[in-house]
Protein backbone atom coordinates (compact mmCIF):
# COMPACT_ATOMS: atom_id res chain seq x y z
CA MET A 1 165.74 64.27 104.56
CA SER A 2 168.69 66.68 104.70
CA ASN A 3 169.24 66.07 100.98
CA ASN A 4 165.66 67.21 100.37
CA ALA A 5 166.15 70.26 102.56
CA SER A 6 169.37 71.28 100.79
CA SER A 7 167.70 70.87 97.38
CA ILE A 8 164.89 73.18 98.45
CA GLU A 9 167.44 75.71 99.77
CA VAL A 10 169.33 75.62 96.47
CA LEU A 11 166.08 75.99 94.57
CA LEU A 12 165.06 78.98 96.72
CA GLU A 13 168.47 80.61 96.19
CA ASN A 14 168.14 80.11 92.43
CA VAL A 15 164.65 81.62 92.48
CA GLN A 16 165.90 84.62 94.48
CA ASP A 17 168.77 85.14 92.03
CA TYR A 18 166.35 84.86 89.11
CA VAL A 19 163.97 87.41 90.63
CA LYS A 20 166.82 89.83 91.41
CA THR A 21 168.21 89.50 87.88
CA THR A 22 164.77 89.97 86.35
CA LEU A 23 164.18 93.11 88.42
CA LYS A 24 167.56 94.53 87.42
CA LEU A 25 166.88 93.77 83.78
CA THR A 26 163.45 95.41 83.97
CA LYS A 27 164.94 98.53 85.59
CA LEU A 28 167.66 98.72 82.94
CA ASN A 29 165.12 98.33 80.13
CA ALA A 30 162.94 101.07 81.63
CA ILE A 31 165.96 103.35 81.93
CA ALA A 32 166.97 102.66 78.34
CA GLN A 33 163.46 103.33 77.03
CA SER A 34 162.98 106.50 79.02
CA SER A 35 166.42 107.85 78.09
CA ASP A 36 165.73 107.18 74.41
CA VAL A 37 162.37 108.94 74.54
CA ILE A 38 163.74 111.87 76.59
CA SER A 39 166.72 112.34 74.28
CA SER A 40 164.40 112.33 71.27
CA VAL A 41 162.13 114.91 72.91
CA ILE A 42 165.07 117.14 73.87
CA SER A 43 166.50 117.02 70.35
CA LYS A 44 163.08 117.92 68.93
CA ILE A 45 162.82 120.84 71.38
CA VAL A 46 166.26 122.17 70.38
CA ILE A 47 165.39 121.91 66.69
CA SER A 48 162.03 123.57 67.34
CA ILE A 49 163.67 126.47 69.16
CA ALA A 50 166.08 127.01 66.27
CA ALA A 51 163.22 126.84 63.76
CA ALA A 52 161.14 129.25 65.87
CA MET A 53 164.00 131.76 65.94
CA PHE A 54 164.33 131.48 62.16
CA ILE A 55 160.60 131.97 61.65
CA LEU A 56 160.55 134.91 64.07
CA LEU A 57 163.37 136.73 62.31
CA LEU A 58 161.92 135.90 58.90
CA SER A 59 158.56 137.26 60.05
CA PHE A 60 160.12 140.54 61.14
CA GLY A 61 161.92 140.83 57.82
CA LEU A 62 158.76 140.11 55.85
CA ALA A 63 156.74 142.52 57.97
CA PHE A 64 159.21 145.33 57.35
CA LEU A 65 159.38 144.48 53.63
CA ILE A 66 155.60 144.43 53.25
CA GLY A 67 155.39 147.61 55.32
CA ASP A 68 157.87 149.35 53.03
CA LEU A 69 155.94 148.22 49.96
CA MET A 70 152.63 149.45 51.43
CA GLY A 71 154.00 152.73 52.74
CA ASN A 72 153.64 152.10 56.51
CA ALA A 73 155.53 149.56 58.61
CA TYR A 74 152.51 148.66 60.73
CA TRP A 75 150.60 147.30 57.68
CA GLY A 76 153.31 144.71 57.20
CA PHE A 77 152.98 143.59 60.80
CA PHE A 78 149.18 143.42 60.48
CA ILE A 79 149.43 141.27 57.36
CA VAL A 80 152.00 138.92 58.91
CA ALA A 81 149.88 138.70 62.09
CA ALA A 82 146.80 137.87 60.00
CA PHE A 83 148.77 135.11 58.27
CA TYR A 84 149.76 133.62 61.63
CA LEU A 85 146.17 133.88 62.86
CA LEU A 86 145.00 131.94 59.80
CA LEU A 87 147.77 129.40 60.36
CA ALA A 88 146.80 129.02 64.03
CA VAL A 89 143.14 128.45 63.12
CA LEU A 90 144.15 125.77 60.59
CA ILE A 91 146.45 124.03 63.07
CA TYR A 92 143.79 124.15 65.78
CA SER A 93 141.20 122.71 63.38
CA PHE A 94 143.42 119.79 62.40
CA LYS A 95 145.44 119.39 65.62
CA ASP A 96 144.39 115.78 66.24
CA GLN A 97 145.06 114.76 62.67
CA TRP A 98 148.33 116.66 62.20
CA ILE A 99 149.87 116.64 65.68
CA LYS A 100 148.25 114.41 68.33
CA VAL A 101 147.94 111.15 66.40
CA PRO A 102 151.36 111.25 64.69
CA VAL A 103 153.17 112.20 67.91
CA SER A 104 151.35 109.49 69.89
CA ASN A 105 152.14 106.92 67.22
CA LYS A 106 155.80 107.95 67.16
CA ILE A 107 156.13 107.65 70.95
CA ILE A 108 154.37 104.26 71.01
CA THR A 109 156.50 102.98 68.13
CA LYS A 110 159.70 104.14 69.87
CA LEU A 111 158.66 102.52 73.17
CA LEU A 112 157.66 99.25 71.51
CA LYS A 113 160.84 99.18 69.43
CA ASN A 114 162.89 99.34 72.61
CA MET A 115 160.91 96.51 74.21
CA GLU A 116 161.90 94.03 71.50
């Protein structure tokens, strides 16, 4: 009888160790996945900020150049603003196709890659 009881105790200890190890492994996998996704997002944000600064300064330069060619600086800014309005309308029209679906697919692919 005591042999049976000690076998059950050993089995319960093994099950507890297995559950603890599985929980730790799950936590570590979640941390690894989230850190990978967060680091990717942060790197994209930094690159986007640099690109935005470039585009901003380029826009000012083009606006002043166009303004000089047309005789008044404000015409250059109007033309550049109209270009950005057209660009915003295009992006808004195709936002699901150009932004939402590719970004969602990229995040899902990155999360599933880490699960394997």
